[in-house]
Amino acid sequence: MERTEKMMVRWMCGVSLKNQRERSISTENLRDRLGIDSVTDVVQRGRLRWFGHVERKSKDDWVSACRELEVDGRLGKGRPRKTWMECVVDDMRKVGLKREDAQFRSTRKAGLMGKASNP
């Protein structure tokens, strides 16, 4: 996904990797020139926004019941697939948010937009 995004950003800016001079221009610089965020950041913000919505639900709601659901069965070889909650925990750690911040929209929104998480 990230590779495709980088190719598309370079294509939109008219920068080719064949040209030696243009090869040194970073994708971050090109993204700044276009005024867009990386697809990873957009997905991360969406995931944290949805987590805040689900976290504010009542405990007897069906969505909250599904979050605690564990499926029985045999595990395959190797590391198990990363769960949605593991991704959310990683995202919260990167942004500097805590689980309790989901209850306060202003704190969560400030953390999602890259501002200080403690107003």
PDB file of N, CA and C in Angstrom:
ATOM      1  N   MET A   1       0.820  -1.177   0.000  1.00  0.00           N
ATOM      2  CA  MET A   1       0.000   0.000   0.000  1.00  0.00           C
ATOM      3  C   MET A   1       0.879   1.261   0.000  1.00  0.00           C
ATOM      4  N   GLU A   2       1.910   1.245   0.835  1.00  0.00           N
ATOM      5  CA  GLU A   2       2.795   2.412   0.916  1.00  0.00           C
ATOM      6  C   GLU A   2       3.584   2.591  -0.375  1.00  0.00           C
ATOM      7  N   ARG A   3       3.995   1.481  -0.978  1.00  0.00           N
ATOM      8  CA  ARG A   3       4.750   1.562  -2.222  1.00  0.00           C
ATOM      9  C   ARG A   3       3.896   2.190  -3.321  1.00  0.00           C
ATOM     10  N   THR A   4       2.640   1.765  -3.410  1.00  0.00           N
ATOM     11  CA  THR A   4       1.735   2.314  -4.409  1.00  0.00           C
ATOM     12  C   THR A   4       1.504   3.793  -4.160  1.00  0.00           C
ATOM     13  N   GLU A   5       1.357   4.161  -2.885  1.00  0.00           N
ATOM     14  CA  GLU A   5       1.163   5.573  -2.556  1.00  0.00           C
ATOM     15  C   GLU A   5       2.369   6.405  -2.999  1.00  0.00           C
ATOM     16  N   LYS A   6       3.572   5.914  -2.727  1.00  0.00           N
ATOM     17  CA  LYS A   6       4.777   6.650  -3.119  1.00  0.00           C
ATOM     18  C   LYS A   6       4.861   6.807  -4.635  1.00  0.00           C
ATOM     19  N   MET A   7       4.516   5.745  -5.362  1.00  0.00           N
ATOM     20  CA  MET A   7       4.525   5.831  -6.827  1.00  0.00           C
ATOM     21  C   MET A   7       3.525   6.875  -7.319  1.00  0.00           C
ATOM     22  N   MET A   8       2.349   6.886  -6.719  1.00  0.00           N
ATOM     23  CA  MET A   8       1.315   7.822  -7.159  1.00  0.00           C
ATOM     24  C   MET A   8       1.689   9.269  -6.827  1.00  0.00           C
ATOM     25  N   VAL A   9       2.311   9.497  -5.669  1.00  0.00           N
ATOM     26  CA  VAL A   9       2.748  10.851  -5.293  1.00  0.00           C
ATOM     27  C   VAL A   9       3.801  11.336  -6.286  1.00  0.00           C
ATOM     28  N   ARG A  10       4.755  10.484  -6.623  1.00  0.00           N
ATOM     29  CA  ARG A  10       5.785  10.871  -7.592  1.00  0.00           C
ATOM     30  C   ARG A  10       5.157  11.144  -8.960  1.00  0.00           C
ATOM     31  N   TRP A  11       4.195  10.343  -9.351  1.00  0.00           N
ATOM     32  CA  TRP A  11       3.512  10.534 -10.633  1.00  0.00           C
ATOM     33  C   TRP A  11       2.755  11.858 -10.652  1.00  0.00           C
ATOM     34  N   MET A  12       2.050  12.197  -9.540  1.00  0.00           N
ATOM     35  CA  MET A  12       1.295  13.450  -9.479  1.00  0.00           C
ATOM     36  C   MET A  12       2.211  14.663  -9.554  1.00  0.00           C
ATOM     37  N   CYS A  13       3.421  14.532  -9.007  1.00  0.00           N
ATOM     38  CA  CYS A  13       4.371  15.656  -9.027  1.00  0.00           C
ATOM     39  C   CYS A  13       5.218  15.671 -10.294  1.00  0.00           C
ATOM     40  N   GLY A  14       5.113  14.646 -11.104  1.00  0.00           N
ATOM     41  CA  GLY A  14       5.897  14.586 -12.331  1.00  0.00           C
ATOM     42  C   GLY A  14       7.356  14.271 -12.085  1.00  0.00           C
ATOM     43  N   VAL A  15       7.647  13.579 -10.990  1.00  0.00           N
ATOM     44  CA  VAL A  15       9.019  13.232 -10.630  1.00  0.00           C
ATOM     45  C   VAL A  15       9.262  11.779 -10.996  1.00  0.00           C
ATOM     46  N   SER A  16      10.370  11.516 -11.657  1.00  0.00           N
ATOM     47  CA  SER A  16      10.696  10.176 -12.098  1.00  0.00           C
ATOM     48  C   SER A  16      11.898   9.653 -11.331  1.00  0.00           C
ATOM     49  N   LEU A  17      11.903   8.371 -11.061  1.00  0.00           N
ATOM     50  CA  LEU A  17      13.056   7.766 -10.398  1.00  0.00           C
ATOM     51  C   LEU A  17      14.194   7.518 -11.382  1.00  0.00           C
ATOM     52  N   LYS A  18      13.937   7.649 -12.675  1.00  0.00           N
ATOM     53  CA  LYS A  18      14.976   7.444 -13.680  1.00  0.00           C
ATOM     54  C   LYS A  18      15.976   8.588 -13.688  1.00  0.00           C
ATOM     55  N   ASN A  19      15.488   9.786 -13.408  1.00  0.00           N
ATOM     56  CA  ASN A  19      16.359  10.954 -13.369  1.00  0.00           C
ATOM     57  C   ASN A  19      17.119  10.967 -12.046  1.00  0.00           C
ATOM     58  N   GLN A  20      18.428  11.025 -12.111  1.00  0.00           N
ATOM     59  CA  GLN A  20      19.277  10.971 -10.915  1.00  0.00           C
ATOM     60  C   GLN A  20      18.997  12.142  -9.972  1.00  0.00           C
ATOM     61  N   ARG A  21      18.774  13.344 -10.525  1.00  0.00           N
ATOM     62  CA  ARG A  21      18.524  14.519  -9.697  1.00  0.00           C
ATOM     63  C   ARG A  21      17.188  14.407  -8.975  1.00  0.00           C
ATOM     64  N   GLU A  22      16.189  13.890  -9.654  1.00  0.00           N
ATOM     65  CA  GLU A  22      14.859  13.770  -9.055  1.00  0.00           C
ATOM     66  C   GLU A  22      14.774  12.610  -8.079  1.00  0.00           C
ATOM     67  N   ARG A  23      15.674  11.678  -8.186  1.00  0.00           N
ATOM     68  CA  ARG A  23      15.670  10.512  -7.299  1.00  0.00           C
ATOM     69  C   ARG A  23      15.943  10.927  -5.853  1.00  0.00           C
ATOM     70  N   SER A  24      16.698  12.011  -5.655  1.00  0.00           N
ATOM     71  CA  SER A  24      17.056  12.436  -4.297  1.00  0.00           C
ATOM     72  C   SER A  24      15.921  13.169  -3.584  1.00  0.00           C
ATOM     73  N   ILE A  25      14.856  13.514  -4.289  1.00  0.00           N
ATOM     74  CA  ILE A  25      13.721  14.193  -3.660  1.00  0.00           C
ATOM     75  C   ILE A  25      12.909  13.159  -2.892  1.00  0.00           C
ATOM     76  N   SER A  26      12.723  13.412  -1.599  1.00  0.00           N
ATOM     77  CA  SER A  26      12.011  12.430  -0.777  1.00  0.00           C
ATOM     78  C   SER A  26      10.503  12.510  -1.002  1.00  0.00           C
ATOM     79  N   THR A  27       9.851  11.422  -0.722  1.00  0.00           N
ATOM     80  CA  THR A  27       8.398  11.363  -0.870  1.00  0.00           C
ATOM     81  C   THR A  27       7.723  12.300   0.124  1.00  0.00           C
ATOM     82  N   GLU A  28       8.321  12.481   1.308  1.00  0.00           N
ATOM     83  CA  GLU A  28       7.755  13.396   2.308  1.00  0.00           C
ATOM     84  C   GLU A  28       7.736  14.823   1.767  1.00  0.00           C
ATOM     85  N   ASN A  29       8.810  15.231   1.084  1.00  0.00           N
ATOM     86  CA  ASN A  29       8.849  16.570   0.491  1.00  0.00           C
ATOM     87  C   ASN A  29       7.766  16.718  -0.575  1.00  0.00           C
ATOM     88  N   LEU A  30       7.597  15.675  -1.375  1.00  0.00           N
ATOM     89  CA  LEU A  30       6.577  15.723  -2.423  1.00  0.00           C
ATOM     90  C   LEU A  30       5.177  15.755  -1.817  1.00  0.00           C
ATOM     91  N   ARG A  31       4.964  15.007  -0.725  1.00  0.00           N
ATOM     92  CA  ARG A  31       3.673  15.014  -0.043  1.00  0.00           C
ATOM     93  C   ARG A  31       3.374  16.391   0.535  1.00  0.00           C
ATOM     94  N   ASP A  32       4.403  17.027   1.089  1.00  0.00           N
ATOM     95  CA  ASP A  32       4.235  18.398   1.613  1.00  0.00           C
ATOM     96  C   ASP A  32       3.879  19.358   0.484  1.00  0.00           C
ATOM     97  N   ARG A  33       4.513  19.177  -0.661  1.00  0.00           N
ATOM     98  CA  ARG A  33       4.242  20.029  -1.816  1.00  0.00           C
ATOM     99  C   ARG A  33       2.782  19.895  -2.260  1.00  0.00           C
ATOM    100  N   LEU A  34       2.252  18.671  -2.190  1.00  0.00           N
ATOM    101  CA  LEU A  34       0.865  18.435  -2.571  1.00  0.00           C
ATOM    102  C   LEU A  34      -0.120  18.765  -1.451  1.00  0.00           C
ATOM    103  N   GLY A  35       0.387  18.820  -0.210  1.00  0.00           N
ATOM    104  CA  GLY A  35      -0.487  19.099   0.926  1.00  0.00           C
ATOM    105  C   GLY A  35      -1.348  17.918   1.329  1.00  0.00           C
ATOM    106  N   ILE A  36      -0.804  16.703   1.207  1.00  0.00           N
ATOM    107  CA  ILE A  36      -1.571  15.518   1.578  1.00  0.00           C
ATOM    108  C   ILE A  36      -0.841  14.738   2.668  1.00  0.00           C
ATOM    109  N   ASP A  37      -1.600  13.929   3.402  1.00  0.00           N
ATOM    110  CA  ASP A  37      -1.032  13.064   4.436  1.00  0.00           C
ATOM    111  C   ASP A  37      -0.755  11.697   3.845  1.00  0.00           C
ATOM    112  N   SER A  38       0.101  10.947   4.525  1.00  0.00           N
ATOM    113  CA  SER A  38       0.380   9.593   4.052  1.00  0.00           C
ATOM    114  C   SER A  38      -0.827   8.706   4.322  1.00  0.00           C
ATOM    115  N   VAL A  39      -0.954   7.675   3.536  1.00  0.00           N
ATOM    116  CA  VAL A  39      -2.085   6.766   3.671  1.00  0.00           C
ATOM    117  C   VAL A  39      -2.026   6.057   5.025  1.00  0.00           C
ATOM    118  N   THR A  40      -0.852   5.828   5.558  1.00  0.00           N
ATOM    119  CA  THR A  40      -0.701   5.210   6.867  1.00  0.00           C
ATOM    120  C   THR A  40      -1.294   6.092   7.953  1.00  0.00           C
ATOM    121  N   ASP A  41      -1.027   7.404   7.876  1.00  0.00           N
ATOM    122  CA  ASP A  41      -1.576   8.341   8.864  1.00  0.00           C
ATOM    123  C   ASP A  41      -3.090   8.427   8.773  1.00  0.00           C
ATOM    124  N   VAL A  42      -3.616   8.402   7.564  1.00  0.00           N
ATOM    125  CA  VAL A  42      -5.071   8.488   7.378  1.00  0.00           C
ATOM    126  C   VAL A  42      -5.752   7.247   7.952  1.00  0.00           C
ATOM    127  N   VAL A  43      -5.182   6.066   7.708  1.00  0.00           N
ATOM    128  CA  VAL A  43      -5.743   4.826   8.243  1.00  0.00           C
ATOM    129  C   VAL A  43      -5.653   4.822   9.764  1.00  0.00           C
ATOM    130  N   GLN A  44      -4.531   5.292  10.294  1.00  0.00           N
ATOM    131  CA  GLN A  44      -4.343   5.345  11.740  1.00  0.00           C
ATOM    132  C   GLN A  44      -5.376   6.259  12.395  1.00  0.00           C
ATOM    133  N   ARG A  45      -5.598   7.433  11.816  1.00  0.00           N
ATOM    134  CA  ARG A  45      -6.597   8.358  12.373  1.00  0.00           C
ATOM    135  C   ARG A  45      -7.996   7.755  12.324  1.00  0.00           C
ATOM    136  N   GLY A  46      -8.328   7.098  11.231  1.00  0.00           N
ATOM    137  CA  GLY A  46      -9.641   6.472  11.118  1.00  0.00           C
ATOM    138  C   GLY A  46      -9.836   5.370  12.141  1.00  0.00           C
ATOM    139  N   ARG A  47      -8.793   4.568  12.342  1.00  0.00           N
ATOM    140  CA  ARG A  47      -8.873   3.480  13.313  1.00  0.00           C
ATOM    141  C   ARG A  47      -9.060   4.025  14.720  1.00  0.00           C
ATOM    142  N   LEU A  48      -8.323   5.080  15.075  1.00  0.00           N
ATOM    143  CA  LEU A  48      -8.458   5.670  16.408  1.00  0.00           C
ATOM    144  C   LEU A  48      -9.793   6.382  16.570  1.00  0.00           C
ATOM    145  N   ARG A  49     -10.294   6.977  15.513  1.00  0.00           N
ATOM    146  CA  ARG A  49     -11.609   7.638  15.579  1.00  0.00           C
ATOM    147  C   ARG A  49     -12.696   6.593  15.837  1.00  0.00           C
ATOM    148  N   TRP A  50     -12.623   5.459  15.131  1.00  0.00           N
ATOM    149  CA  TRP A  50     -13.598   4.390  15.337  1.00  0.00           C
ATOM    150  C   TRP A  50     -13.469   3.802  16.741  1.00  0.00           C
ATOM    151  N   PHE A  51     -12.236   3.646  17.228  1.00  0.00           N
ATOM    152  CA  PHE A  51     -12.023   3.130  18.579  1.00  0.00           C
ATOM    153  C   PHE A  51     -12.677   4.048  19.612  1.00  0.00           C
ATOM    154  N   GLY A  52     -12.533   5.363  19.441  1.00  0.00           N
ATOM    155  CA  GLY A  52     -13.168   6.299  20.364  1.00  0.00           C
ATOM    156  C   GLY A  52     -14.677   6.156  20.350  1.00  0.00           C
ATOM    157  N   HIS A  53     -15.237   5.960  19.175  1.00  0.00           N
ATOM    158  CA  HIS A  53     -16.683   5.778  19.047  1.00  0.00           C
ATOM    159  C   HIS A  53     -17.124   4.495  19.764  1.00  0.00           C
ATOM    160  N   VAL A  54     -16.412   3.408  19.542  1.00  0.00           N
ATOM    161  CA  VAL A  54     -16.769   2.128  20.143  1.00  0.00           C
ATOM    162  C   VAL A  54     -16.531   2.150  21.653  1.00  0.00           C
ATOM    163  N   GLU A  55     -15.482   2.804  22.088  1.00  0.00           N
ATOM    164  CA  GLU A  55     -15.139   2.855  23.516  1.00  0.00           C
ATOM    165  C   GLU A  55     -16.201   3.614  24.312  1.00  0.00           C
ATOM    166  N   ARG A  56     -16.853   4.578  23.700  1.00  0.00           N
ATOM    167  CA  ARG A  56     -17.892   5.343  24.399  1.00  0.00           C
ATOM    168  C   ARG A  56     -19.235   4.619  24.439  1.00  0.00           C
ATOM    169  N   LYS A  57     -19.365   3.512  23.711  1.00  0.00           N
ATOM    170  CA  LYS A  57     -20.606   2.730  23.729  1.00  0.00           C
ATOM    171  C   LYS A  57     -20.817   2.134  25.120  1.00  0.00           C
ATOM    172  N   SER A  58     -22.078   1.834  25.446  1.00  0.00           N
ATOM    173  CA  SER A  58     -22.371   1.207  26.740  1.00  0.00           C
ATOM    174  C   SER A  58     -21.857  -0.230  26.732  1.00  0.00           C
ATOM    175  N   LYS A  59     -21.625  -0.765  27.921  1.00  0.00           N
ATOM    176  CA  LYS A  59     -21.051  -2.107  28.058  1.00  0.00           C
ATOM    177  C   LYS A  59     -21.997  -3.203  27.583  1.00  0.00           C
ATOM    178  N   ASP A  60     -23.322  -2.945  27.588  1.00  0.00           N
ATOM    179  CA  ASP A  60     -24.261  -3.973  27.159  1.00  0.00           C
ATOM    180  C   ASP A  60     -24.588  -3.886  25.666  1.00  0.00           C
ATOM    181  N   ASP A  61     -23.943  -2.997  24.946  1.00  0.00           N
ATOM    182  CA  ASP A  61     -24.148  -2.877  23.506  1.00  0.00           C
ATOM    183  C   ASP A  61     -23.500  -4.071  22.797  1.00  0.00           C
ATOM    184  N   TRP A  62     -24.052  -4.483  21.656  1.00  0.00           N
ATOM    185  CA  TRP A  62     -23.540  -5.657  20.945  1.00  0.00           C
ATOM    186  C   TRP A  62     -22.128  -5.444  20.407  1.00  0.00           C
ATOM    187  N   VAL A  63     -21.777  -4.186  20.109  1.00  0.00           N
ATOM    188  CA  VAL A  63     -20.424  -3.914  19.610  1.00  0.00           C
ATOM    189  C   VAL A  63     -19.399  -4.177  20.706  1.00  0.00           C
ATOM    190  N   SER A  64     -19.719  -3.764  21.931  1.00  0.00           N
ATOM    191  CA  SER A  64     -18.811  -4.006  23.053  1.00  0.00           C
ATOM    192  C   SER A  64     -18.684  -5.501  23.336  1.00  0.00           C
ATOM    193  N   ALA A  65     -19.767  -6.236  23.180  1.00  0.00           N
ATOM    194  CA  ALA A  65     -19.717  -7.686  23.391  1.00  0.00           C
ATOM    195  C   ALA A  65     -18.816  -8.346  22.348  1.00  0.00           C
ATOM    196  N   CYS A  66     -18.846  -7.872  21.129  1.00  0.00           N
ATOM    197  CA  CYS A  66     -18.010  -8.445  20.064  1.00  0.00           C
ATOM    198  C   CYS A  66     -16.533  -8.163  20.284  1.00  0.00           C
ATOM    199  N   ARG A  67     -16.216  -7.066  20.922  1.00  0.00           N
ATOM    200  CA  ARG A  67     -14.807  -6.740  21.168  1.00  0.00           C
ATOM    201  C   ARG A  67     -14.151  -7.741  22.100  1.00  0.00           C
ATOM    202  N   GLU A  68     -14.924  -8.297  23.026  1.00  0.00           N
ATOM    203  CA  GLU A  68     -14.383  -9.244  23.999  1.00  0.00           C
ATOM    204  C   GLU A  68     -14.480 -10.693  23.529  1.00  0.00           C
ATOM    205  N   LEU A  69     -14.973 -10.922  22.329  1.00  0.00           N
ATOM    206  CA  LEU A  69     -15.203 -12.255  21.802  1.00  0.00           C
ATOM    207  C   LEU A  69     -13.889 -12.952  21.475  1.00  0.00           C
ATOM    208  N   GLU A  70     -13.768 -14.207  21.894  1.00  0.00           N
ATOM    209  CA  GLU A  70     -12.605 -15.011  21.549  1.00  0.00           C
ATOM    210  C   GLU A  70     -13.090 -16.252  20.811  1.00  0.00           C
ATOM    211  N   VAL A  71     -12.432 -16.571  19.733  1.00  0.00           N
ATOM    212  CA  VAL A  71     -12.824 -17.697  18.902  1.00  0.00           C
ATOM    213  C   VAL A  71     -11.988 -18.908  19.281  1.00  0.00           C
ATOM    214  N   ASP A  72     -12.657 -20.041  19.516  1.00  0.00           N
ATOM    215  CA  ASP A  72     -11.953 -21.279  19.836  1.00  0.00           C
ATOM    216  C   ASP A  72     -11.455 -21.928  18.550  1.00  0.00           C
ATOM    217  N   GLY A  73     -10.410 -22.698  18.693  1.00  0.00           N
ATOM    218  CA  GLY A  73      -9.886 -23.404  17.529  1.00  0.00           C
ATOM    219  C   GLY A  73      -8.381 -23.549  17.624  1.00  0.00           C
ATOM    220  N   ARG A  74      -7.823 -24.258  16.671  1.00  0.00           N
ATOM    221  CA  ARG A  74      -6.379 -24.469  16.648  1.00  0.00           C
ATOM    222  C   ARG A  74      -5.688 -23.268  16.028  1.00  0.00           C
ATOM    223  N   LEU A  75      -4.512 -22.998  16.520  1.00  0.00           N
ATOM    224  CA  LEU A  75      -3.686 -21.940  15.953  1.00  0.00           C
ATOM    225  C   LEU A  75      -2.782 -22.539  14.880  1.00  0.00           C
ATOM    226  N   GLY A  76      -2.538 -21.775  13.847  1.00  0.00           N
ATOM    227  CA  GLY A  76      -1.637 -22.221  12.798  1.00  0.00           C
ATOM    228  C   GLY A  76      -0.189 -22.011  13.195  1.00  0.00           C
ATOM    229  N   LYS A  77       0.694 -22.360  12.297  1.00  0.00           N
ATOM    230  CA  LYS A  77       2.118 -22.159  12.553  1.00  0.00           C
ATOM    231  C   LYS A  77       2.461 -20.688  12.474  1.00  0.00           C
ATOM    232  N   GLY A  78       3.488 -20.316  13.193  1.00  0.00           N
ATOM    233  CA  GLY A  78       3.979 -18.947  13.131  1.00  0.00           C
ATOM    234  C   GLY A  78       3.204 -17.996  14.019  1.00  0.00           C
ATOM    235  N   ARG A  79       3.505 -16.727  13.853  1.00  0.00           N
ATOM    236  CA  ARG A  79       2.857 -15.702  14.660  1.00  0.00           C
ATOM    237  C   ARG A  79       1.410 -15.541  14.213  1.00  0.00           C
ATOM    238  N   PRO A  80       0.484 -15.433  15.179  1.00  0.00           N
ATOM    239  CA  PRO A  80      -0.904 -15.199  14.786  1.00  0.00           C
ATOM    240  C   PRO A  80      -1.066 -13.831  14.145  1.00  0.00           C
ATOM    241  N   ARG A  81      -2.132 -13.659  13.373  1.00  0.00           N
ATOM    242  CA  ARG A  81      -2.385 -12.373  12.732  1.00  0.00           C
ATOM    243  C   ARG A  81      -2.594 -11.307  13.789  1.00  0.00           C
ATOM    244  N   LYS A  82      -2.155 -10.119  13.485  1.00  0.00           N
ATOM    245  CA  LYS A  82      -2.297  -9.004  14.407  1.00  0.00           C
ATOM    246  C   LYS A  82      -3.774  -8.632  14.514  1.00  0.00           C
ATOM    247  N   THR A  83      -4.247  -8.484  15.743  1.00  0.00           N
ATOM    248  CA  THR A  83      -5.651  -8.156  15.948  1.00  0.00           C
ATOM    249  C   THR A  83      -5.871  -6.656  15.803  1.00  0.00           C
ATOM    250  N   TRP A  84      -7.131  -6.278  15.649  1.00  0.00           N
ATOM    251  CA  TRP A  84      -7.492  -4.873  15.534  1.00  0.00           C
ATOM    252  C   TRP A  84      -7.081  -4.121  16.793  1.00  0.00           C
ATOM    253  N   MET A  85      -7.290  -4.746  17.963  1.00  0.00           N
ATOM    254  CA  MET A  85      -6.963  -4.083  19.216  1.00  0.00           C
ATOM    255  C   MET A  85      -5.455  -3.873  19.354  1.00  0.00           C
ATOM    256  N   GLU A  86      -4.649  -4.803  18.877  1.00  0.00           N
ATOM    257  CA  GLU A  86      -3.195  -4.618  18.904  1.00  0.00           C
ATOM    258  C   GLU A  86      -2.794  -3.422  18.046  1.00  0.00           C
ATOM    259  N   CYS A  87      -3.442  -3.266  16.906  1.00  0.00           N
ATOM    260  CA  CYS A  87      -3.175  -2.109  16.043  1.00  0.00           C
ATOM    261  C   CYS A  87      -3.569  -0.816  16.738  1.00  0.00           C
ATOM    262  N   VAL A  88      -4.710  -0.828  17.412  1.00  0.00           N
ATOM    263  CA  VAL A  88      -5.185   0.375  18.127  1.00  0.00           C
ATOM    264  C   VAL A  88      -4.216   0.737  19.239  1.00  0.00           C
ATOM    265  N   VAL A  89      -3.759  -0.252  19.999  1.00  0.00           N
ATOM    266  CA  VAL A  89      -2.821   0.011  21.094  1.00  0.00           C
ATOM    267  C   VAL A  89      -1.520   0.609  20.545  1.00  0.00           C
ATOM    268  N   ASP A  90      -1.020   0.073  19.437  1.00  0.00           N
ATOM    269  CA  ASP A  90       0.185   0.630  18.807  1.00  0.00           C
ATOM    270  C   ASP A  90      -0.042   2.070  18.352  1.00  0.00           C
ATOM    271  N   ASP A  91      -1.206   2.320  17.733  1.00  0.00           N
ATOM    272  CA  ASP A  91      -1.527   3.671  17.271  1.00  0.00           C
ATOM    273  C   ASP A  91      -1.615   4.648  18.443  1.00  0.00           C
ATOM    274  N   MET A  92      -2.256   4.223  19.529  1.00  0.00           N
ATOM    275  CA  MET A  92      -2.381   5.105  20.698  1.00  0.00           C
ATOM    276  C   MET A  92      -1.016   5.414  21.296  1.00  0.00           C
ATOM    277  N   ARG A  93      -0.137   4.414  21.315  1.00  0.00           N
ATOM    278  CA  ARG A  93       1.204   4.637  21.845  1.00  0.00           C
ATOM    279  C   ARG A  93       1.974   5.635  20.982  1.00  0.00           C
ATOM    280  N   LYS A  94       1.847   5.504  19.652  1.00  0.00           N
ATOM    281  CA  LYS A  94       2.549   6.414  18.739  1.00  0.00           C
ATOM    282  C   LYS A  94       2.059   7.845  18.871  1.00  0.00           C
ATOM    283  N   VAL A  95       0.749   8.005  19.049  1.00  0.00           N
ATOM    284  CA  VAL A  95       0.152   9.341  19.117  1.00  0.00           C
ATOM    285  C   VAL A  95       0.247   9.924  20.517  1.00  0.00           C
ATOM    286  N   GLY A  96       0.384   9.060  21.533  1.00  0.00           N
ATOM    287  CA  GLY A  96       0.481   9.530  22.909  1.00  0.00           C
ATOM    288  C   GLY A  96      -0.873   9.640  23.596  1.00  0.00           C
ATOM    289  N   LEU A  97      -1.809   8.806  23.204  1.00  0.00           N
ATOM    290  CA  LEU A  97      -3.131   8.793  23.823  1.00  0.00           C
ATOM    291  C   LEU A  97      -3.254   7.602  24.756  1.00  0.00           C
ATOM    292  N   LYS A  98      -4.172   7.715  25.724  1.00  0.00           N
ATOM    293  CA  LYS A  98      -4.479   6.618  26.625  1.00  0.00           C
ATOM    294  C   LYS A  98      -5.914   6.177  26.384  1.00  0.00           C
ATOM    295  N   ARG A  99      -6.257   5.008  26.862  1.00  0.00           N
ATOM    296  CA  ARG A  99      -7.598   4.465  26.668  1.00  0.00           C
ATOM    297  C   ARG A  99      -8.654   5.393  27.267  1.00  0.00           C
ATOM    298  N   GLU A 100      -8.338   6.041  28.365  1.00  0.00           N
ATOM    299  CA  GLU A 100      -9.288   6.940  29.026  1.00  0.00           C
ATOM    300  C   GLU A 100      -9.571   8.184  28.183  1.00  0.00           C
ATOM    301  N   ASP A 101      -8.648   8.542  27.303  1.00  0.00           N
ATOM    302  CA  ASP A 101      -8.825   9.735  26.463  1.00  0.00           C
ATOM    303  C   ASP A 101      -9.977   9.587  25.485  1.00  0.00           C
ATOM    304  N   ALA A 102     -10.428   8.360  25.249  1.00  0.00           N
ATOM    305  CA  ALA A 102     -11.538   8.134  24.316  1.00  0.00           C
ATOM    306  C   ALA A 102     -12.825   8.761  24.853  1.00  0.00           C
ATOM    307  N   GLN A 103     -12.919   8.922  26.161  1.00  0.00           N
ATOM    308  CA  GLN A 103     -14.121   9.509  26.750  1.00  0.00           C
ATOM    309  C   GLN A 103     -14.178  11.019  26.535  1.00  0.00           C
ATOM    310  N   PHE A 104     -13.041  11.640  26.293  1.00  0.00           N
ATOM    311  CA  PHE A 104     -12.967  13.091  26.124  1.00  0.00           C
ATOM    312  C   PHE A 104     -12.612  13.402  24.677  1.00  0.00           C
ATOM    313  N   ARG A 105     -13.592  13.838  23.924  1.00  0.00           N
ATOM    314  CA  ARG A 105     -13.397  14.051  22.487  1.00  0.00           C
ATOM    315  C   ARG A 105     -12.334  15.105  22.190  1.00  0.00           C
ATOM    316  N   SER A 106     -12.282  16.163  22.991  1.00  0.00           N
ATOM    317  CA  SER A 106     -11.319  17.234  22.696  1.00  0.00           C
ATOM    318  C   SER A 106      -9.887  16.731  22.844  1.00  0.00           C
ATOM    319  N   THR A 107      -9.617  15.936  23.883  1.00  0.00           N
ATOM    320  CA  THR A 107      -8.272  15.386  24.080  1.00  0.00           C
ATOM    321  C   THR A 107      -7.924  14.421  22.959  1.00  0.00           C
ATOM    322  N   ARG A 108      -8.881  13.555  22.606  1.00  0.00           N
ATOM    323  CA  ARG A 108      -8.632  12.568  21.561  1.00  0.00           C
ATOM    324  C   ARG A 108      -8.421  13.236  20.213  1.00  0.00           C
ATOM    325  N   LYS A 109      -9.249  14.247  19.930  1.00  0.00           N
ATOM    326  CA  LYS A 109      -9.138  14.924  18.648  1.00  0.00           C
ATOM    327  C   LYS A 109      -7.799  15.662  18.529  1.00  0.00           C
ATOM    328  N   ALA A 110      -7.368  16.284  19.621  1.00  0.00           N
ATOM    329  CA  ALA A 110      -6.075  16.977  19.611  1.00  0.00           C
ATOM    330  C   ALA A 110      -4.943  15.981  19.386  1.00  0.00           C
ATOM    331  N   GLY A 111      -5.036  14.803  19.992  1.00  0.00           N
ATOM    332  CA  GLY A 111      -4.015  13.769  19.806  1.00  0.00           C
ATOM    333  C   GLY A 111      -4.021  13.221  18.392  1.00  0.00           C
ATOM    334  N   LEU A 112      -5.191  13.111  17.796  1.00  0.00           N
ATOM    335  CA  LEU A 112      -5.279  12.584  16.439  1.00  0.00           C
ATOM    336  C   LEU A 112      -4.722  13.563  15.418  1.00  0.00           C
ATOM    337  N   MET A 113      -4.859  14.833  15.680  1.00  0.00           N
ATOM    338  CA  MET A 113      -4.394  15.826  14.728  1.00  0.00           C
ATOM    339  C   MET A 113      -2.935  16.214  14.931  1.00  0.00           C
ATOM    340  N   GLY A 114      -2.251  15.529  15.860  1.00  0.00           N
ATOM    341  CA  GLY A 114      -0.825  15.744  16.033  1.00  0.00           C
ATOM    342  C   GLY A 114      -0.462  16.853  16.999  1.00  0.00           C
ATOM    343  N   LYS A 115      -1.442  17.364  17.732  1.00  0.00           N
ATOM    344  CA  LYS A 115      -1.161  18.373  18.736  1.00  0.00           C
ATOM    345  C   LYS A 115      -0.912  17.691  20.067  1.00  0.00           C
ATOM    346  N   ALA A 116      -0.555  18.475  21.064  1.00  0.00           N
ATOM    347  CA  ALA A 116      -0.294  17.907  22.393  1.00  0.00           C
ATOM    348  C   ALA A 116      -1.561  17.234  22.912  1.00  0.00           C
ATOM    349  N   SER A 117      -1.385  16.067  23.529  1.00  0.00           N
ATOM    350  CA  SER A 117      -2.546  15.318  23.992  1.00  0.00           C
ATOM    351  C   SER A 117      -3.099  15.852  25.297  1.00  0.00           C
ATOM    352  N   ASN A 118      -2.346  16.666  26.031  1.00  0.00           N
ATOM    353  CA  ASN A 118      -2.837  17.252  27.264  1.00  0.00           C
ATOM    354  C   ASN A 118      -3.044  18.747  27.081  1.00  0.00           C
ATOM    355  N   PRO A 119      -4.321  19.177  26.917  1.00  0.00           N
ATOM    356  CA  PRO A 119      -4.560  20.604  26.671  1.00  0.00           C
ATOM    357  C   PRO A 119      -4.323  21.444  27.896  1.00  0.00           C
TER     358      PRO A 119
END
